[in-house]
């Protein structure tokens, strides 16, 4: 896969995950009185992970060819972590 195609794929994946975070935020706003401090803190951590993922994506786009592979590895780690955290948090809200 070319670098350009990879960047486009990651951009699409991030949009999906950022939409999921936004939807969780909307759910949290509706449940505000029912949320524990732990849940609020957990969502804050999730949102911070989203921000770091977005920042790392920008690093990926701006990276030189020599640094691209290193940044790509970090991007993949953030992407997987963000996906896991979104799923875990969403599952917790449903129970």
Foldseek 3Di string as FASTA:
>chain_A
DDLVVVLVVLVVLLVVLVVLLVVVVVVCVVCVVVDDPVLVVLNVVLVVLSVVLVVLSVCLVVPDPVCNVVSVVVNVVSSVVSVVSSVVSVVVVVD
